Amino acid sequence: MGTFDVIPELFGRSTKCDDVENWSEHIDAQHCRFIGKECYKTRKSQPEVAIGTCAVGVHKAELPVIVCPTGRQPLQPSDVM
C-alpha cells in the first residue's frame, strides 16, 4: 500500500519535483497543466488566489484523493510529474 504526502502536487506538478526552478513563479502563474489555463478552484476568503491542488493524500490510501472540481479521473502517480 502506498503512502503519499498530504499535498502531493500543486498545479499538476509534484511537490517533490526537481525540475521546477522557481516555485514562487509557478504558484503565482496559477496555471493548471491539466485544463491548460488558470486554475479556477479558488479560496473563498481570497477569490483571486487559486488553491492549485487537484489531489490530496489521505492516510492509508493507495492513491491521492481527487479534489479538483473538473472531476479529472483517475489520477495516477505519473500524472503529477
N, C-alpha and C. Protein backbone atom coordinates (compact mmCIF):
# COMPACT_ATOMS: atom_id res chain seq x y z
N MET A 1 0.84 -1.18 0.00
CA MET A 1 0.00 0.00 0.00
C MET A 1 0.88 1.24 0.00
N GLY A 2 0.61 2.18 -0.88
CA GLY A 2 1.43 3.37 -1.00
C GLY A 2 1.12 4.42 0.05
N THR A 3 2.06 5.29 0.26
CA THR A 3 1.82 6.44 1.13
C THR A 3 2.14 7.69 0.34
N PHE A 4 1.38 8.73 0.58
CA PHE A 4 1.54 9.97 -0.16
C PHE A 4 1.65 11.14 0.80
N ASP A 5 2.30 12.20 0.34
CA ASP A 5 2.33 13.44 1.10
C ASP A 5 0.90 13.98 1.17
N VAL A 6 0.64 14.81 2.17
CA VAL A 6 -0.68 15.41 2.29
C VAL A 6 -1.01 16.21 1.04
N ILE A 7 -0.04 16.96 0.51
CA ILE A 7 -0.22 17.68 -0.75
C ILE A 7 0.82 17.14 -1.74
N PRO A 8 0.42 16.14 -2.55
CA PRO A 8 1.38 15.52 -3.46
C PRO A 8 1.70 16.36 -4.70
N GLU A 9 0.86 17.36 -5.01
CA GLU A 9 1.09 18.18 -6.19
C GLU A 9 0.49 19.56 -6.02
N LEU A 10 1.02 20.51 -6.78
CA LEU A 10 0.46 21.86 -6.88
C LEU A 10 0.40 22.22 -8.36
N PHE A 11 -0.77 22.59 -8.82
CA PHE A 11 -0.97 22.94 -10.23
C PHE A 11 -0.44 21.84 -11.15
N GLY A 12 -0.62 20.58 -10.74
CA GLY A 12 -0.22 19.46 -11.57
C GLY A 12 1.25 19.10 -11.54
N ARG A 13 2.01 19.72 -10.68
CA ARG A 13 3.45 19.43 -10.55
C ARG A 13 3.71 18.77 -9.21
N SER A 14 4.43 17.70 -9.23
CA SER A 14 4.77 17.00 -7.99
C SER A 14 5.48 17.95 -7.03
N THR A 15 5.10 17.90 -5.76
CA THR A 15 5.76 18.73 -4.76
C THR A 15 7.18 18.24 -4.49
N LYS A 16 7.53 17.08 -5.04
CA LYS A 16 8.90 16.57 -4.93
C LYS A 16 9.67 16.77 -6.23
N CYS A 17 9.08 17.50 -7.16
CA CYS A 17 9.66 17.70 -8.48
C CYS A 17 10.89 18.61 -8.41
N ASP A 18 11.97 18.16 -8.99
CA ASP A 18 13.19 18.95 -9.01
C ASP A 18 13.29 19.87 -10.23
N ASP A 19 12.44 19.65 -11.24
CA ASP A 19 12.59 20.44 -12.46
C ASP A 19 11.84 21.78 -12.43
N VAL A 20 11.15 22.08 -11.35
CA VAL A 20 10.52 23.39 -11.21
C VAL A 20 11.55 24.30 -10.56
N GLU A 21 12.13 25.18 -11.38
CA GLU A 21 13.22 26.03 -10.90
C GLU A 21 12.76 27.07 -9.89
N ASN A 22 11.59 27.63 -10.12
CA ASN A 22 11.13 28.70 -9.24
C ASN A 22 9.68 28.45 -8.86
N TRP A 23 9.47 27.84 -7.70
CA TRP A 23 8.12 27.54 -7.25
C TRP A 23 7.28 28.79 -7.10
N SER A 24 7.88 29.90 -6.67
CA SER A 24 7.11 31.14 -6.50
C SER A 24 6.47 31.57 -7.81
N GLU A 25 7.23 31.54 -8.89
CA GLU A 25 6.69 31.91 -10.21
C GLU A 25 5.62 30.92 -10.65
N HIS A 26 5.87 29.64 -10.41
CA HIS A 26 4.93 28.59 -10.79
C HIS A 26 3.60 28.79 -10.06
N ILE A 27 3.66 29.08 -8.78
CA ILE A 27 2.45 29.29 -7.99
C ILE A 27 1.77 30.60 -8.37
N ASP A 28 2.54 31.65 -8.58
CA ASP A 28 1.96 32.95 -8.97
C ASP A 28 1.21 32.86 -10.30
N ALA A 29 1.68 32.03 -11.21
CA ALA A 29 1.03 31.89 -12.52
C ALA A 29 -0.34 31.21 -12.40
N GLN A 30 -0.52 30.37 -11.38
CA GLN A 30 -1.78 29.67 -11.12
C GLN A 30 -2.27 28.88 -12.34
N HIS A 31 -1.34 28.40 -13.16
CA HIS A 31 -1.68 27.69 -14.39
C HIS A 31 -1.83 26.20 -14.13
N CYS A 32 -2.99 25.66 -14.49
CA CYS A 32 -3.24 24.23 -14.35
C CYS A 32 -2.85 23.53 -15.64
N ARG A 33 -1.92 22.61 -15.56
CA ARG A 33 -1.49 21.91 -16.77
C ARG A 33 -2.52 20.90 -17.26
N PHE A 34 -3.48 20.53 -16.43
CA PHE A 34 -4.49 19.57 -16.84
C PHE A 34 -5.59 20.20 -17.69
N ILE A 35 -5.97 21.44 -17.37
CA ILE A 35 -7.02 22.11 -18.16
C ILE A 35 -6.43 23.13 -19.13
N GLY A 36 -5.12 23.37 -19.03
CA GLY A 36 -4.43 24.26 -19.96
C GLY A 36 -4.72 25.74 -19.77
N LYS A 37 -5.17 26.11 -18.59
CA LYS A 37 -5.42 27.52 -18.30
C LYS A 37 -5.35 27.74 -16.79
N GLU A 38 -5.68 28.94 -16.36
CA GLU A 38 -5.60 29.25 -14.94
C GLU A 38 -6.57 28.38 -14.13
N CYS A 39 -6.09 27.88 -13.01
CA CYS A 39 -6.92 27.08 -12.11
C CYS A 39 -8.09 27.92 -11.63
N TYR A 40 -9.29 27.35 -11.67
CA TYR A 40 -10.47 28.12 -11.26
C TYR A 40 -10.99 27.73 -9.88
N LYS A 41 -10.30 26.82 -9.21
CA LYS A 41 -10.70 26.45 -7.84
C LYS A 41 -10.01 27.44 -6.90
N THR A 42 -10.77 28.40 -6.40
CA THR A 42 -10.19 29.49 -5.62
C THR A 42 -10.58 29.42 -4.15
N ARG A 43 -9.85 30.18 -3.36
CA ARG A 43 -10.15 30.29 -1.93
C ARG A 43 -11.41 31.13 -1.75
N LYS A 44 -12.27 30.72 -0.82
CA LYS A 44 -13.47 31.52 -0.54
C LYS A 44 -13.09 32.87 0.04
N SER A 45 -12.08 32.88 0.90
CA SER A 45 -11.67 34.13 1.56
C SER A 45 -10.84 35.03 0.65
N GLN A 46 -10.23 34.45 -0.39
CA GLN A 46 -9.40 35.21 -1.34
C GLN A 46 -9.68 34.69 -2.74
N PRO A 47 -10.79 35.10 -3.36
CA PRO A 47 -11.16 34.54 -4.66
C PRO A 47 -10.17 34.79 -5.78
N GLU A 48 -9.22 35.69 -5.59
CA GLU A 48 -8.19 35.93 -6.61
C GLU A 48 -7.04 34.93 -6.51
N VAL A 49 -7.06 34.08 -5.49
CA VAL A 49 -5.98 33.11 -5.27
C VAL A 49 -6.49 31.69 -5.53
N ALA A 50 -5.89 31.02 -6.51
CA ALA A 50 -6.25 29.63 -6.81
C ALA A 50 -5.63 28.70 -5.78
N ILE A 51 -6.36 27.66 -5.44
CA ILE A 51 -5.87 26.68 -4.47
C ILE A 51 -4.78 25.82 -5.09
N GLY A 52 -4.99 25.36 -6.31
CA GLY A 52 -3.93 24.68 -7.05
C GLY A 52 -3.70 23.22 -6.75
N THR A 53 -4.53 22.61 -5.93
CA THR A 53 -4.35 21.18 -5.66
C THR A 53 -5.45 20.38 -6.36
N CYS A 54 -5.05 19.41 -7.15
CA CYS A 54 -6.00 18.52 -7.82
C CYS A 54 -6.28 17.29 -6.97
N ALA A 55 -5.35 17.00 -6.08
CA ALA A 55 -5.47 15.80 -5.25
C ALA A 55 -4.77 16.03 -3.92
N VAL A 56 -5.25 15.31 -2.92
CA VAL A 56 -4.61 15.37 -1.60
C VAL A 56 -4.38 13.95 -1.11
N GLY A 57 -3.35 13.79 -0.30
CA GLY A 57 -3.07 12.49 0.28
C GLY A 57 -3.99 12.22 1.45
N VAL A 58 -4.42 10.98 1.57
CA VAL A 58 -5.27 10.56 2.67
C VAL A 58 -4.61 9.38 3.35
N HIS A 59 -4.61 9.37 4.65
CA HIS A 59 -3.97 8.31 5.43
C HIS A 59 -4.37 6.93 4.92
N LYS A 60 -3.40 6.12 4.61
CA LYS A 60 -3.54 4.73 4.16
C LYS A 60 -4.20 4.56 2.79
N ALA A 61 -4.34 5.61 2.03
CA ALA A 61 -4.94 5.49 0.70
C ALA A 61 -3.91 4.98 -0.30
N GLU A 62 -4.36 4.21 -1.27
CA GLU A 62 -3.49 3.72 -2.34
C GLU A 62 -3.00 4.86 -3.21
N LEU A 63 -3.92 5.76 -3.57
CA LEU A 63 -3.62 6.90 -4.43
C LEU A 63 -4.16 8.17 -3.77
N PRO A 64 -3.66 9.32 -4.18
CA PRO A 64 -4.24 10.57 -3.67
C PRO A 64 -5.73 10.65 -4.04
N VAL A 65 -6.49 11.38 -3.25
CA VAL A 65 -7.91 11.57 -3.50
C VAL A 65 -8.10 12.83 -4.33
N ILE A 66 -8.87 12.72 -5.41
CA ILE A 66 -9.10 13.85 -6.30
C ILE A 66 -10.05 14.84 -5.64
N VAL A 67 -9.64 16.11 -5.60
CA VAL A 67 -10.48 17.18 -5.05
C VAL A 67 -10.76 18.26 -6.09
N CYS A 68 -10.27 18.07 -7.29
CA CYS A 68 -10.46 19.05 -8.36
C CYS A 68 -11.91 19.02 -8.85
N PRO A 69 -12.55 20.18 -8.98
CA PRO A 69 -13.95 20.20 -9.44
C PRO A 69 -14.15 19.77 -10.89
N THR A 70 -13.07 19.63 -11.67
CA THR A 70 -13.24 19.16 -13.05
C THR A 70 -13.54 17.67 -13.08
N GLY A 71 -13.33 16.99 -11.95
CA GLY A 71 -13.61 15.56 -11.88
C GLY A 71 -12.64 14.73 -12.69
N ARG A 72 -11.43 15.22 -12.87
CA ARG A 72 -10.40 14.53 -13.64
C ARG A 72 -10.07 13.20 -12.98
N GLN A 73 -10.34 12.09 -13.65
CA GLN A 73 -10.08 10.78 -13.05
C GLN A 73 -9.62 9.81 -14.11
N PRO A 74 -8.95 8.75 -13.77
CA PRO A 74 -8.32 8.51 -12.48
C PRO A 74 -6.96 9.20 -12.42
N LEU A 75 -6.56 9.62 -11.28
CA LEU A 75 -5.25 10.23 -11.09
C LEU A 75 -4.24 9.14 -10.78
N GLN A 76 -3.21 9.08 -11.57
CA GLN A 76 -2.15 8.11 -11.37
C GLN A 76 -0.91 8.85 -10.88
N PRO A 77 -0.01 8.16 -10.17
CA PRO A 77 1.21 8.82 -9.71
C PRO A 77 1.98 9.49 -10.85
N SER A 78 1.93 8.92 -12.04
CA SER A 78 2.65 9.52 -13.18
C SER A 78 2.01 10.82 -13.65
N ASP A 79 0.77 11.11 -13.24
CA ASP A 79 0.10 12.35 -13.63
C ASP A 79 0.69 13.57 -12.96
N VAL A 80 1.33 13.40 -11.84
CA VAL A 80 1.85 14.54 -11.08
C VAL A 80 3.36 14.58 -11.16
N MET A 81 3.87 14.58 -12.36
CA MET A 81 5.31 14.64 -12.57
C MET A 81 5.68 15.94 -13.22
